[in-house]
C-alpha atoms as a PDB file:
ATOM      1  CA  UNK A   1      11.550 112.779-148.776  1.00  0.00           C
ATOM      2  CA  UNK A   2      14.349 113.134-147.039  1.00  0.00           C
ATOM      3  CA  UNK A   3      16.751 110.208-145.468  1.00  0.00           C
ATOM      4  CA  UNK A   4      15.350 110.964-142.762  1.00  0.00           C
ATOM      5  CA  UNK A   5      12.065 110.145-143.086  1.00  0.00           C
ATOM      6  CA  UNK A   6      13.110 106.771-144.180  1.00  0.00           C
ATOM      7  CA  UNK A   7      14.774 105.438-142.151  1.00  0.00           C
ATOM      8  CA  UNK A   8      12.827 106.518-139.222  1.00  0.00           C
ATOM      9  CA  UNK A   9       9.576 103.930-139.451  1.00  0.00           C
ATOM     10  CA  UNK A  10      12.248 101.273-140.538  1.00  0.00           C
ATOM     11  CA  UNK A  11      14.237 101.564-137.177  1.00  0.00           C
ATOM     12  CA  UNK A  12      11.417 100.549-134.895  1.00  0.00           C
ATOM     13  CA  UNK A  13      10.707  97.264-137.593  1.00  0.00           C
ATOM     14  CA  UNK A  14      14.715  96.401-136.928  1.00  0.00           C
ATOM     15  CA  UNK A  15      14.143  96.367-133.104  1.00  0.00           C
ATOM     16  CA  UNK A  16      11.051  94.564-133.055  1.00  0.00           C
ATOM     17  CA  UNK A  17      12.693  91.975-135.419  1.00  0.00           C
ATOM     18  CA  UNK A  18      15.959  92.029-132.985  1.00  0.00           C
ATOM     19  CA  UNK A  19      13.163  91.593-130.233  1.00  0.00           C
ATOM     20  CA  UNK A  20      11.390  88.972-132.008  1.00  0.00           C
ATOM     21  CA  UNK A  21      14.867  87.141-132.296  1.00  0.00           C
ATOM     22  CA  UNK A  22      16.386  87.047-128.984  1.00  0.00           C
ATOM     23  CA  UNK A  23      13.126  85.891-127.310  1.00  0.00           C
ATOM     24  CA  UNK A  24      12.894  83.580-129.999  1.00  0.00           C
ATOM     25  CA  UNK A  25      16.402  82.214-129.102  1.00  0.00           C
ATOM     26  CA  UNK A  26      14.934  82.752-125.510  1.00  0.00           C
ATOM     27  CA  UNK A  27      12.544  80.718-125.741  1.00  0.00           C
ATOM     28  CA  UNK A  28      14.546  77.900-127.825  1.00  0.00           C
ATOM     29  CA  UNK A  29      17.194  77.532-124.692  1.00  0.00           C
ATOM     30  CA  UNK A  30      14.624  76.989-122.216  1.00  0.00           C
ATOM     31  CA  UNK A  31      12.706  74.476-124.252  1.00  0.00           C
ATOM     32  CA  UNK A  32      16.064  72.787-124.508  1.00  0.00           C
ATOM     33  CA  UNK A  33      15.797  73.101-121.046  1.00  0.00           C
ATOM     34  CA  UNK A  34      12.956  71.469-119.949  1.00  0.00           C
ATOM     35  CA  UNK A  35      13.490  68.771-122.401  1.00  0.00           C
ATOM     36  CA  UNK A  36      16.648  67.277-120.485  1.00  0.00           C
ATOM     37  CA  UNK A  37      14.701  67.739-117.509  1.00  0.00           C
ATOM     38  CA  UNK A  38      11.933  66.045-117.883  1.00  0.00           C
ATOM     39  CA  UNK A  39      14.585  63.082-119.710  1.00  0.00           C
ATOM     40  CA  UNK A  40      16.037  63.208-115.959  1.00  0.00           C
ATOM     41  CA  UNK A  41      12.806  63.083-114.856  1.00  0.00           C
ATOM     42  CA  UNK A  42      11.802  59.974-116.412  1.00  0.00           C
ATOM     43  CA  UNK A  43      15.225  58.449-115.651  1.00  0.00           C
ATOM     44  CA  UNK A  44      13.942  58.580-112.020  1.00  0.00           C
ATOM     45  CA  UNK A  45      10.763  57.918-112.681  1.00  0.00           C
ATOM     46  CA  UNK A  46      12.370  54.260-114.173  1.00  0.00           C
ATOM     47  CA  UNK A  47      14.944  53.672-111.023  1.00  0.00           C
ATOM     48  CA  UNK A  48      11.873  54.120-109.234  1.00  0.00           C
ATOM     49  CA  UNK A  49       9.999  51.566-111.029  1.00  0.00           C
ATOM     50  CA  UNK A  50      12.473  49.404-111.173  1.00  0.00           C
ATOM     51  CA  UNK A  51      14.101  49.717-107.819  1.00  0.00           C
ATOM     52  CA  UNK A  52      12.526  47.280-106.441  1.00  0.00           C
ATOM     53  CA  UNK A  53      11.584  48.013-102.786  1.00  0.00           C
ATOM     54  CA  UNK A  54       8.773  45.335-100.845  1.00  0.00           C
ATOM     55  CA  UNK A  55       6.442  45.491 -98.530  1.00  0.00           C
ATOM     56  CA  UNK A  56       7.157  41.358 -98.980  1.00  0.00           C
ATOM     57  CA  UNK A  57       8.241  40.040 -95.398  1.00  0.00           C
ATOM     58  CA  UNK A  58       6.648  43.025 -93.519  1.00  0.00           C
ATOM     59  CA  UNK A  59       4.185  42.287 -91.118  1.00  0.00           C
ATOM     60  CA  UNK A  60       0.812  44.017 -91.483  1.00  0.00           C
ATOM     61  CA  UNK A  61      -0.130  47.051 -89.224  1.00  0.00           C
ATOM     62  CA  UNK A  62      -3.178  45.055 -87.467  1.00  0.00           C
ATOM     63  CA  UNK A  63      -4.843  48.236 -85.909  1.00  0.00           C
ATOM     64  CA  UNK A  64      -5.715  47.297 -82.124  1.00  0.00           C
ATOM     65  CA  UNK A  65      -9.374  47.155 -81.357  1.00  0.00           C
ATOM     66  CA  UNK A  66     -10.205  49.563 -77.545  1.00  0.00           C
ATOM     67  CA  UNK A  67     -13.039  48.371 -75.686  1.00  0.00           C
ATOM     68  CA  UNK A  68     -15.991  50.588 -74.480  1.00  0.00           C
ATOM     69  CA  UNK A  69     -13.482  52.465 -70.957  1.00  0.00           C
ATOM     70  CA  UNK A  70     -10.448  53.278 -73.707  1.00  0.00           C
ATOM     71  CA  UNK A  71     -12.910  54.956 -75.184  1.00  0.00           C
ATOM     72  CA  UNK A  72     -14.276  57.084 -72.501  1.00  0.00           C
ATOM     73  CA  UNK A  73     -11.046  57.440 -71.259  1.00  0.00           C
ATOM     74  CA  UNK A  74      -9.890  58.889 -74.744  1.00  0.00           C
ATOM     75  CA  UNK A  75     -12.852  60.799 -75.232  1.00  0.00           C
ATOM     76  CA  UNK A  76     -12.566  62.754 -71.970  1.00  0.00           C
ATOM     77  CA  UNK A  77      -9.065  63.302 -71.641  1.00  0.00           C
ATOM     78  CA  UNK A  78     -10.329  64.851 -75.382  1.00  0.00           C
ATOM     79  CA  UNK A  79      -7.870  63.191 -77.477  1.00  0.00           C
ATOM     80  CA  UNK A  80     -10.119  61.816 -80.819  1.00  0.00           C
ATOM     81  CA  UNK A  81      -7.202  59.613 -82.565  1.00  0.00           C
END
């Protein structure tokens, strides 16, 4: 066997290992980025929950009951809501 026959099969293996290493590195970076985003989302949700915003003091919405005449006018004009 010559040197050429020995190194040829190894070259694709080395290339595959290099590609796998690069893919692993890219996946780790993406996982880190997503972990940071998850922490940020959790912080935002906690602020939203603890930030307040109360319905106290606001008047409840009272739906006005329409008369049969108002209903007929609304339907004849083609308005459904």
